[in-house]
């Protein structure tokens, strides 16, 4: 339970930070924004668990991750390109 609560809190904080506009330095997102994200994430997880249990959660995870694999490949290519520019190979 502690692990799930901590994970939900950190995920809600991250989503709120990304969704907030004009955060500066060590500024935190608004508490209502964090609560909204936590409730949204809890509702999605609860709905998936109520609909089909673990199998629905597993299927939704695979379906959501497939498009992200293409983004991961593009990010990897960009990383190698930037590393080659910053640290050219010496002959």
Protein backbone atom coordinates (compact mmCIF):
# COMPACT_ATOMS: atom_id res chain seq x y z
CA UNK A 1 0.00 0.00 0.00
CA UNK A 2 2.83 2.39 0.85
CA UNK A 3 4.53 1.74 -2.48
CA UNK A 4 1.32 2.36 -4.43
CA UNK A 5 0.55 5.55 -2.50
CA UNK A 6 4.08 6.88 -3.01
CA UNK A 7 4.03 6.01 -6.71
CA UNK A 8 0.64 7.68 -7.18
CA UNK A 9 1.81 10.80 -5.37
CA UNK A 10 5.02 11.10 -7.39
CA UNK A 11 3.20 10.45 -10.66
CA UNK A 12 0.57 13.06 -9.83
CA UNK A 13 3.33 15.54 -8.93
CA UNK A 14 5.14 14.89 -12.21
CA UNK A 15 1.97 15.21 -14.30
CA UNK A 16 1.02 18.42 -12.48
CA UNK A 17 4.50 19.84 -13.03
CA UNK A 18 4.40 19.09 -16.73
CA UNK A 19 0.86 20.46 -17.08
CA UNK A 20 1.62 23.65 -15.15
CA UNK A 21 2.65 26.72 -17.09
CA UNK A 22 5.49 28.98 -16.00
CA UNK A 23 6.92 27.10 -13.02
CA UNK A 24 10.20 28.68 -11.99
CA UNK A 25 13.13 27.12 -10.18
CA UNK A 26 12.05 25.15 -7.13
CA UNK A 27 8.41 26.20 -7.46
CA UNK A 28 5.85 23.41 -7.01
CA UNK A 29 2.63 23.00 -8.97
CA UNK A 30 -0.65 24.08 -7.37
CA UNK A 31 -2.03 21.60 -4.84
CA UNK A 32 -5.41 21.46 -6.60
CA UNK A 33 -3.61 20.48 -9.81
CA UNK A 34 -1.81 17.65 -8.01
CA UNK A 35 -5.06 16.45 -6.43
CA UNK A 36 -6.82 16.53 -9.80
CA UNK A 37 -4.11 14.38 -11.36
CA UNK A 38 -4.13 11.94 -8.42
CA UNK A 39 -7.92 11.53 -8.64
CA UNK A 40 -7.71 11.09 -12.42
CA UNK A 41 -5.01 8.43 -12.16
CA UNK A 42 -6.91 6.67 -9.38
CA UNK A 43 -10.11 6.71 -11.45
CA UNK A 44 -8.36 5.24 -14.49
CA UNK A 45 -6.74 2.47 -12.44
CA UNK A 46 -9.95 1.76 -10.54
CA UNK A 47 -12.01 1.60 -13.72
CA UNK A 48 -9.57 -0.78 -15.39
CA UNK A 49 -9.49 -2.99 -12.28
CA UNK A 50 -13.30 -3.02 -12.05
CA UNK A 51 -13.81 -3.78 -15.75
CA UNK A 52 -11.46 -6.67 -16.22
CA UNK A 53 -9.05 -6.99 -13.33
CA UNK A 54 -5.39 -7.61 -14.00
CA UNK A 55 -5.87 -8.71 -17.63
CA UNK A 56 -7.48 -5.36 -18.56
CA UNK A 57 -4.60 -3.51 -16.92
CA UNK A 58 -2.05 -5.63 -18.78
CA UNK A 59 -3.77 -5.11 -22.15
CA UNK A 60 -4.08 -1.35 -21.63
CA UNK A 61 -0.40 -1.17 -20.68
CA UNK A 62 0.65 -2.93 -23.88
CA UNK A 63 -1.70 -0.83 -26.03
CA UNK A 64 -0.42 2.41 -24.50
CA UNK A 65 3.24 1.42 -24.73
CA UNK A 66 3.32 0.43 -28.41
CA UNK A 67 3.15 4.03 -29.77
CA UNK A 68 5.71 5.11 -27.19
CA UNK A 69 8.23 2.61 -28.55
CA UNK A 70 8.50 4.67 -31.74
CA UNK A 71 9.17 7.79 -29.68
CA UNK A 72 11.82 5.90 -27.72
CA UNK A 73 13.57 4.92 -30.95
CA UNK A 74 13.54 8.54 -32.15
CA UNK A 75 14.90 9.74 -28.80
CA UNK A 76 17.68 7.15 -28.95
CA UNK A 77 18.66 8.28 -32.44
CA UNK A 78 18.66 11.92 -31.30
CA UNK A 79 20.79 11.03 -28.26
CA UNK A 80 23.43 9.31 -30.38
CA UNK A 81 23.43 12.22 -32.85
CA UNK A 82 23.95 14.75 -30.04
CA UNK A 83 26.67 12.62 -28.42
CA UNK A 84 28.51 12.38 -31.75
CA UNK A 85 28.37 16.18 -32.11
CA UNK A 86 29.50 16.86 -28.54
CA UNK A 87 32.15 14.14 -28.35
CA UNK A 88 33.57 13.51 -31.83
CA UNK A 89 35.60 10.36 -32.26
CA UNK A 90 39.34 10.98 -32.29
CA UNK A 91 41.38 9.10 -34.87
